[in-house]
Amino acid sequence: MALAVSRDAQIAALYEKLQHRSAILAGLTPGTPSHTGIQAECDAIHAEIRRLQTTTSVSPKAVLIGIAVILLIVWSAVH
C-alpha cells in the first residue's frame, strides 16, 4: 500500500519551490524570456497552492474508523 503525501506536506513543498523560484525571479531582468517563464511558473505554483488550500480531504485514519463503526453496527444488527 503506497503512502499518500498529505495535503499539508504538498503545500509546504510548493511554498518552498515558490520561494526558490521567486529568488531566481528577483535576479532576472523584467521582460526577458527567462523572466517571463519563471513568472509563469511562479503563477502556476501559486495557483496550485490555492487549489490545495481550498480542497477538503479525509484522512485514511478517519475512513478506517468509519468503516469499523459501520461494521460494528451491521454486526450488532445481525446478532
PDB file of N, CA and C in Angstrom:
ATOM      1  N   MET A   1       0.849  -1.176   0.000  1.00  0.00           N
ATOM      2  CA  MET A   1       0.000   0.000   0.000  1.00  0.00           C
ATOM      3  C   MET A   1       0.898   1.245   0.000  1.00  0.00           C
ATOM      4  N   ALA A   2       0.719   2.067  -0.981  1.00  0.00           N
ATOM      5  CA  ALA A   2       1.534   3.276  -1.083  1.00  0.00           C
ATOM      6  C   ALA A   2       1.046   4.322  -0.090  1.00  0.00           C
ATOM      7  N   LEU A   3       1.982   5.037   0.487  1.00  0.00           N
ATOM      8  CA  LEU A   3       1.622   6.084   1.434  1.00  0.00           C
ATOM      9  C   LEU A   3       1.335   7.364   0.666  1.00  0.00           C
ATOM     10  N   ALA A   4       0.214   7.973   0.944  1.00  0.00           N
ATOM     11  CA  ALA A   4      -0.154   9.226   0.287  1.00  0.00           C
ATOM     12  C   ALA A   4       0.529  10.395   1.000  1.00  0.00           C
ATOM     13  N   VAL A   5       0.941  11.361   0.219  1.00  0.00           N
ATOM     14  CA  VAL A   5       1.545  12.564   0.781  1.00  0.00           C
ATOM     15  C   VAL A   5       0.406  13.456   1.243  1.00  0.00           C
ATOM     16  N   SER A   6       0.488  13.928   2.461  1.00  0.00           N
ATOM     17  CA  SER A   6      -0.587  14.744   3.000  1.00  0.00           C
ATOM     18  C   SER A   6      -0.676  16.076   2.259  1.00  0.00           C
ATOM     19  N   ARG A   7      -1.845  16.643   2.292  1.00  0.00           N
ATOM     20  CA  ARG A   7      -2.091  17.922   1.636  1.00  0.00           C
ATOM     21  C   ARG A   7      -1.191  19.000   2.220  1.00  0.00           C
ATOM     22  N   ASP A   8      -1.013  18.990   3.530  1.00  0.00           N
ATOM     23  CA  ASP A   8      -0.145  19.982   4.173  1.00  0.00           C
ATOM     24  C   ASP A   8       1.307  19.839   3.714  1.00  0.00           C
ATOM     25  N   ALA A   9       1.760  18.613   3.530  1.00  0.00           N
ATOM     26  CA  ALA A   9       3.128  18.388   3.052  1.00  0.00           C
ATOM     27  C   ALA A   9       3.279  18.872   1.616  1.00  0.00           C
ATOM     28  N   GLN A  10       2.250  18.650   0.805  1.00  0.00           N
ATOM     29  CA  GLN A  10       2.287  19.137  -0.575  1.00  0.00           C
ATOM     30  C   GLN A  10       2.346  20.663  -0.608  1.00  0.00           C
ATOM     31  N   ILE A  11       1.538  21.301   0.222  1.00  0.00           N
ATOM     32  CA  ILE A  11       1.519  22.767   0.274  1.00  0.00           C
ATOM     33  C   ILE A  11       2.871  23.295   0.732  1.00  0.00           C
ATOM     34  N   ALA A  12       3.456  22.667   1.744  1.00  0.00           N
ATOM     35  CA  ALA A  12       4.762  23.106   2.244  1.00  0.00           C
ATOM     36  C   ALA A  12       5.829  22.970   1.160  1.00  0.00           C
ATOM     37  N   ALA A  13       5.797  21.867   0.421  1.00  0.00           N
ATOM     38  CA  ALA A  13       6.772  21.668  -0.659  1.00  0.00           C
ATOM     39  C   ALA A  13       6.583  22.708  -1.756  1.00  0.00           C
ATOM     40  N   LEU A  14       5.341  23.029  -2.057  1.00  0.00           N
ATOM     41  CA  LEU A  14       5.081  24.037  -3.086  1.00  0.00           C
ATOM     42  C   LEU A  14       5.522  25.425  -2.629  1.00  0.00           C
ATOM     43  N   TYR A  15       5.315  25.754  -1.356  1.00  0.00           N
ATOM     44  CA  TYR A  15       5.792  27.038  -0.830  1.00  0.00           C
ATOM     45  C   TYR A  15       7.315  27.133  -0.933  1.00  0.00           C
ATOM     46  N   GLU A  16       8.004  26.035  -0.636  1.00  0.00           N
ATOM     47  CA  GLU A  16       9.457  26.021  -0.732  1.00  0.00           C
ATOM     48  C   GLU A  16       9.903  26.227  -2.182  1.00  0.00           C
ATOM     49  N   LYS A  17       9.217  25.550  -3.090  1.00  0.00           N
ATOM     50  CA  LYS A  17       9.531  25.689  -4.512  1.00  0.00           C
ATOM     51  C   LYS A  17       9.247  27.116  -4.986  1.00  0.00           C
ATOM     52  N   LEU A  18       8.138  27.695  -4.516  1.00  0.00           N
ATOM     53  CA  LEU A  18       7.792  29.064  -4.889  1.00  0.00           C
ATOM     54  C   LEU A  18       8.837  30.056  -4.367  1.00  0.00           C
ATOM     55  N   GLN A  19       9.303  29.838  -3.158  1.00  0.00           N
ATOM     56  CA  GLN A  19      10.322  30.719  -2.581  1.00  0.00           C
ATOM     57  C   GLN A  19      11.608  30.650  -3.408  1.00  0.00           C
ATOM     58  N   HIS A  20      11.988  29.458  -3.810  1.00  0.00           N
ATOM     59  CA  HIS A  20      13.198  29.284  -4.616  1.00  0.00           C
ATOM     60  C   HIS A  20      13.050  29.982  -5.968  1.00  0.00           C
ATOM     61  N   ARG A  21      11.902  29.775  -6.629  1.00  0.00           N
ATOM     62  CA  ARG A  21      11.670  30.403  -7.935  1.00  0.00           C
ATOM     63  C   ARG A  21      11.595  31.928  -7.802  1.00  0.00           C
ATOM     64  N   SER A  22      11.032  32.419  -6.713  1.00  0.00           N
ATOM     65  CA  SER A  22      10.936  33.867  -6.503  1.00  0.00           C
ATOM     66  C   SER A  22      12.311  34.491  -6.329  1.00  0.00           C
ATOM     67  N   ALA A  23      13.222  33.776  -5.668  1.00  0.00           N
ATOM     68  CA  ALA A  23      14.588  34.270  -5.502  1.00  0.00           C
ATOM     69  C   ALA A  23      15.284  34.352  -6.864  1.00  0.00           C
ATOM     70  N   ILE A  24      15.039  33.376  -7.712  1.00  0.00           N
ATOM     71  CA  ILE A  24      15.607  33.405  -9.067  1.00  0.00           C
ATOM     72  C   ILE A  24      15.008  34.570  -9.844  1.00  0.00           C
ATOM     73  N   LEU A  25      13.701  34.738  -9.724  1.00  0.00           N
ATOM     74  CA  LEU A  25      12.987  35.780 -10.456  1.00  0.00           C
ATOM     75  C   LEU A  25      13.500  37.167 -10.094  1.00  0.00           C
ATOM     76  N   ALA A  26      13.864  37.365  -8.838  1.00  0.00           N
ATOM     77  CA  ALA A  26      14.337  38.672  -8.382  1.00  0.00           C
ATOM     78  C   ALA A  26      15.630  39.091  -9.079  1.00  0.00           C
ATOM     79  N   GLY A  27      16.412  38.125  -9.512  1.00  0.00           N
ATOM     80  CA  GLY A  27      17.678  38.429 -10.156  1.00  0.00           C
ATOM     81  C   GLY A  27      17.596  38.574 -11.663  1.00  0.00           C
ATOM     82  N   LEU A  28      16.418  38.397 -12.235  1.00  0.00           N
ATOM     83  CA  LEU A  28      16.272  38.462 -13.691  1.00  0.00           C
ATOM     84  C   LEU A  28      15.743  39.821 -14.130  1.00  0.00           C
ATOM     85  N   THR A  29      16.056  40.177 -15.352  1.00  0.00           N
ATOM     86  CA  THR A  29      15.587  41.437 -15.928  1.00  0.00           C
ATOM     87  C   THR A  29      14.161  41.259 -16.424  1.00  0.00           C
ATOM     88  N   PRO A  30      13.234  42.106 -15.975  1.00  0.00           N
ATOM     89  CA  PRO A  30      11.847  42.002 -16.441  1.00  0.00           C
ATOM     90  C   PRO A  30      11.751  42.140 -17.966  1.00  0.00           C
ATOM     91  N   GLY A  31      10.877  41.340 -18.551  1.00  0.00           N
ATOM     92  CA  GLY A  31      10.668  41.382 -19.990  1.00  0.00           C
ATOM     93  C   GLY A  31      11.475  40.372 -20.766  1.00  0.00           C
ATOM     94  N   THR A  32      12.494  39.785 -20.133  1.00  0.00           N
ATOM     95  CA  THR A  32      13.280  38.766 -20.831  1.00  0.00           C
ATOM     96  C   THR A  32      12.509  37.454 -20.853  1.00  0.00           C
ATOM     97  N   PRO A  33      12.803  36.587 -21.823  1.00  0.00           N
ATOM     98  CA  PRO A  33      12.097  35.301 -21.885  1.00  0.00           C
ATOM     99  C   PRO A  33      12.243  34.471 -20.611  1.00  0.00           C
ATOM    100  N   SER A  34      13.427  34.491 -20.004  1.00  0.00           N
ATOM    101  CA  SER A  34      13.612  33.704 -18.778  1.00  0.00           C
ATOM    102  C   SER A  34      12.770  34.271 -17.640  1.00  0.00           C
ATOM    103  N   HIS A  35      12.670  35.607 -17.552  1.00  0.00           N
ATOM    104  CA  HIS A  35      11.848  36.246 -16.521  1.00  0.00           C
ATOM    105  C   HIS A  35      10.379  35.865 -16.719  1.00  0.00           C
ATOM    106  N   THR A  36       9.939  35.925 -17.972  1.00  0.00           N
ATOM    107  CA  THR A  36       8.539  35.588 -18.278  1.00  0.00           C
ATOM    108  C   THR A  36       8.248  34.125 -17.944  1.00  0.00           C
ATOM    109  N   GLY A  37       9.192  33.239 -18.250  1.00  0.00           N
ATOM    110  CA  GLY A  37       9.000  31.810 -17.964  1.00  0.00           C
ATOM    111  C   GLY A  37       8.940  31.517 -16.479  1.00  0.00           C
ATOM    112  N   ILE A  38       9.860  32.103 -15.728  1.00  0.00           N
ATOM    113  CA  ILE A  38       9.871  31.888 -14.275  1.00  0.00           C
ATOM    114  C   ILE A  38       8.627  32.511 -13.641  1.00  0.00           C
ATOM    115  N   GLN A  39       8.197  33.678 -14.138  1.00  0.00           N
ATOM    116  CA  GLN A  39       6.983  34.321 -13.620  1.00  0.00           C
ATOM    117  C   GLN A  39       5.769  33.433 -13.852  1.00  0.00           C
ATOM    118  N   ALA A  40       5.690  32.829 -15.034  1.00  0.00           N
ATOM    119  CA  ALA A  40       4.578  31.921 -15.334  1.00  0.00           C
ATOM    120  C   ALA A  40       4.616  30.702 -14.418  1.00  0.00           C
ATOM    121  N   GLU A  41       5.821  30.203 -14.160  1.00  0.00           N
ATOM    122  CA  GLU A  41       5.954  29.054 -13.258  1.00  0.00           C
ATOM    123  C   GLU A  41       5.529  29.425 -11.841  1.00  0.00           C
ATOM    124  N   CYS A  42       5.920  30.610 -11.380  1.00  0.00           N
ATOM    125  CA  CYS A  42       5.519  31.079 -10.046  1.00  0.00           C
ATOM    126  C   CYS A  42       3.999  31.211  -9.955  1.00  0.00           C
ATOM    127  N   ASP A  43       3.405  31.737 -11.012  1.00  0.00           N
ATOM    128  CA  ASP A  43       1.944  31.874 -11.031  1.00  0.00           C
ATOM    129  C   ASP A  43       1.258  30.509 -10.967  1.00  0.00           C
ATOM    130  N   ALA A  44       1.805  29.542 -11.695  1.00  0.00           N
ATOM    131  CA  ALA A  44       1.232  28.190 -11.690  1.00  0.00           C
ATOM    132  C   ALA A  44       1.377  27.539 -10.316  1.00  0.00           C
ATOM    133  N   ILE A  45       2.519  27.715  -9.688  1.00  0.00           N
ATOM    134  CA  ILE A  45       2.738  27.154  -8.343  1.00  0.00           C
ATOM    135  C   ILE A  45       1.767  27.793  -7.351  1.00  0.00           C
ATOM    136  N   HIS A  46       1.615  29.104  -7.453  1.00  0.00           N
ATOM    137  CA  HIS A  46       0.700  29.805  -6.549  1.00  0.00           C
ATOM    138  C   HIS A  46      -0.737  29.329  -6.756  1.00  0.00           C
ATOM    139  N   ALA A  47      -1.126  29.122  -7.997  1.00  0.00           N
ATOM    140  CA  ALA A  47      -2.481  28.618  -8.287  1.00  0.00           C
ATOM    141  C   ALA A  47      -2.682  27.223  -7.697  1.00  0.00           C
ATOM    142  N   GLU A  48      -1.664  26.381  -7.780  1.00  0.00           N
ATOM    143  CA  GLU A  48      -1.765  25.031  -7.214  1.00  0.00           C
ATOM    144  C   GLU A  48      -1.867  25.082  -5.692  1.00  0.00           C
ATOM    145  N   ILE A  49      -1.120  25.991  -5.062  1.00  0.00           N
ATOM    146  CA  ILE A  49      -1.219  26.157  -3.608  1.00  0.00           C
ATOM    147  C   ILE A  49      -2.636  26.568  -3.236  1.00  0.00           C
ATOM    148  N   ARG A  50      -3.195  27.532  -3.950  1.00  0.00           N
ATOM    149  CA  ARG A  50      -4.558  27.995  -3.663  1.00  0.00           C
ATOM    150  C   ARG A  50      -5.568  26.861  -3.846  1.00  0.00           C
ATOM    151  N   ARG A  51      -5.376  26.047  -4.893  1.00  0.00           N
ATOM    152  CA  ARG A  51      -6.293  24.931  -5.145  1.00  0.00           C
ATOM    153  C   ARG A  51      -6.228  23.933  -3.990  1.00  0.00           C
ATOM    154  N   LEU A  52      -5.027  23.611  -3.549  1.00  0.00           N
ATOM    155  CA  LEU A  52      -4.876  22.662  -2.445  1.00  0.00           C
ATOM    156  C   LEU A  52      -5.445  23.214  -1.143  1.00  0.00           C
ATOM    157  N   GLN A  53      -5.309  24.516  -0.927  1.00  0.00           N
ATOM    158  CA  GLN A  53      -5.822  25.115   0.297  1.00  0.00           C
ATOM    159  C   GLN A  53      -7.342  25.122   0.330  1.00  0.00           C
ATOM    160  N   THR A  54      -7.979  25.154  -0.821  1.00  0.00           N
ATOM    161  CA  THR A  54      -9.443  25.203  -0.841  1.00  0.00           C
ATOM    162  C   THR A  54     -10.085  23.819  -0.854  1.00  0.00           C
ATOM    163  N   THR A  55      -9.304  22.786  -1.116  1.00  0.00           N
ATOM    164  CA  THR A  55      -9.874  21.444  -1.131  1.00  0.00           C
ATOM    165  C   THR A  55      -9.953  20.894   0.285  1.00  0.00           C
ATOM    166  N   THR A  56     -10.896  20.042   0.483  1.00  0.00           N
ATOM    167  CA  THR A  56     -11.003  19.342   1.760  1.00  0.00           C
ATOM    168  C   THR A  56     -10.606  17.894   1.524  1.00  0.00           C
ATOM    169  N   SER A  57     -10.031  17.312   2.519  1.00  0.00           N
ATOM    170  CA  SER A  57      -9.613  15.923   2.380  1.00  0.00           C
ATOM    171  C   SER A  57     -10.001  15.148   3.629  1.00  0.00           C
ATOM    172  N   VAL A  58     -10.158  13.867   3.442  1.00  0.00           N
ATOM    173  CA  VAL A  58     -10.479  12.974   4.544  1.00  0.00           C
ATOM    174  C   VAL A  58      -9.253  12.110   4.783  1.00  0.00           C
ATOM    175  N   SER A  59      -8.825  12.042   6.001  1.00  0.00           N
ATOM    176  CA  SER A  59      -7.638  11.247   6.296  1.00  0.00           C
ATOM    177  C   SER A  59      -7.969   9.756   6.199  1.00  0.00           C
ATOM    178  N   PRO A  60      -6.999   8.947   5.817  1.00  0.00           N
ATOM    179  CA  PRO A  60      -7.223   7.499   5.751  1.00  0.00           C
ATOM    180  C   PRO A  60      -7.636   6.915   7.102  1.00  0.00           C
ATOM    181  N   LYS A  61      -7.136   7.497   8.174  1.00  0.00           N
ATOM    182  CA  LYS A  61      -7.494   7.032   9.521  1.00  0.00           C
ATOM    183  C   LYS A  61      -8.988   7.235   9.769  1.00  0.00           C
ATOM    184  N   ALA A  62      -9.530   8.381   9.332  1.00  0.00           N
ATOM    185  CA  ALA A  62     -10.957   8.645   9.513  1.00  0.00           C
ATOM    186  C   ALA A  62     -11.801   7.667   8.697  1.00  0.00           C
ATOM    187  N   VAL A  63     -11.330   7.317   7.517  1.00  0.00           N
ATOM    188  CA  VAL A  63     -12.048   6.352   6.681  1.00  0.00           C
ATOM    189  C   VAL A  63     -12.081   4.990   7.369  1.00  0.00           C
ATOM    190  N   LEU A  64     -10.961   4.564   7.911  1.00  0.00           N
ATOM    191  CA  LEU A  64     -10.914   3.271   8.600  1.00  0.00           C
ATOM    192  C   LEU A  64     -11.813   3.253   9.828  1.00  0.00           C
ATOM    193  N   ILE A  65     -11.841   4.332  10.564  1.00  0.00           N
ATOM    194  CA  ILE A  65     -12.714   4.415  11.738  1.00  0.00           C
ATOM    195  C   ILE A  65     -14.170   4.350  11.301  1.00  0.00           C
ATOM    196  N   GLY A  66     -14.514   5.038  10.226  1.00  0.00           N
ATOM    197  CA  GLY A  66     -15.882   5.000   9.701  1.00  0.00           C
ATOM    198  C   GLY A  66     -16.289   3.600   9.283  1.00  0.00           C
ATOM    199  N   ILE A  67     -15.402   2.896   8.602  1.00  0.00           N
ATOM    200  CA  ILE A  67     -15.688   1.526   8.184  1.00  0.00           C
ATOM    201  C   ILE A  67     -15.865   0.629   9.400  1.00  0.00           C
ATOM    202  N   ALA A  68     -15.019   0.809  10.405  1.00  0.00           N
ATOM    203  CA  ALA A  68     -15.134   0.000  11.626  1.00  0.00           C
ATOM    204  C   ALA A  68     -16.466   0.243  12.318  1.00  0.00           C
ATOM    205  N   VAL A  69     -16.905   1.482  12.381  1.00  0.00           N
ATOM    206  CA  VAL A  69     -18.192   1.792  13.019  1.00  0.00           C
ATOM    207  C   VAL A  69     -19.337   1.154  12.238  1.00  0.00           C
ATOM    208  N   ILE A  70     -19.291   1.236  10.925  1.00  0.00           N
ATOM    209  CA  ILE A  70     -20.344   0.624  10.103  1.00  0.00           C
ATOM    210  C   ILE A  70     -20.364  -0.884  10.295  1.00  0.00           C
ATOM    211  N   LEU A  71     -19.191  -1.507  10.355  1.00  0.00           N
ATOM    212  CA  LEU A  71     -19.132  -2.946  10.571  1.00  0.00           C
ATOM    213  C   LEU A  71     -19.675  -3.331  11.934  1.00  0.00           C
ATOM    214  N   LEU A  72     -19.408  -2.535  12.961  1.00  0.00           N
ATOM    215  CA  LEU A  72     -19.956  -2.813  14.291  1.00  0.00           C
ATOM    216  C   LEU A  72     -21.476  -2.695  14.296  1.00  0.00           C
ATOM    217  N   ILE A  73     -22.001  -1.708  13.597  1.00  0.00           N
ATOM    218  CA  ILE A  73     -23.463  -1.541  13.519  1.00  0.00           C
ATOM    219  C   ILE A  73     -24.090  -2.731  12.804  1.00  0.00           C
ATOM    220  N   VAL A  74     -23.487  -3.129  11.688  1.00  0.00           N
ATOM    221  CA  VAL A  74     -24.018  -4.294  10.942  1.00  0.00           C
ATOM    222  C   VAL A  74     -23.905  -5.546  11.781  1.00  0.00           C
ATOM    223  N   TRP A  75     -22.772  -5.744  12.447  1.00  0.00           N
ATOM    224  CA  TRP A  75     -22.593  -6.925  13.277  1.00  0.00           C
ATOM    225  C   TRP A  75     -23.615  -6.977  14.413  1.00  0.00           C
ATOM    226  N   SER A  76     -23.863  -5.839  15.065  1.00  0.00           N
ATOM    227  CA  SER A  76     -24.828  -5.814  16.172  1.00  0.00           C
ATOM    228  C   SER A  76     -26.257  -6.012  15.661  1.00  0.00           C
ATOM    229  N   ALA A  77     -26.555  -5.587  14.464  1.00  0.00           N
ATOM    230  CA  ALA A  77     -27.890  -5.786  13.903  1.00  0.00           C
ATOM    231  C   ALA A  77     -28.129  -7.256  13.541  1.00  0.00           C
ATOM    232  N   VAL A  78     -27.077  -7.953  13.147  1.00  0.00           N
ATOM    233  CA  VAL A  78     -27.198  -9.352  12.771  1.00  0.00           C
ATOM    234  C   VAL A  78     -27.353 -10.238  13.993  1.00  0.00           C
ATOM    235  N   HIS A  79     -26.717  -9.887  15.068  1.00  0.00           N
ATOM    236  CA  HIS A  79     -26.762 -10.724  16.276  1.00  0.00           C
ATOM    237  C   HIS A  79     -27.827 -10.286  17.213  1.00  0.00           C
TER     238      HIS A  79
END
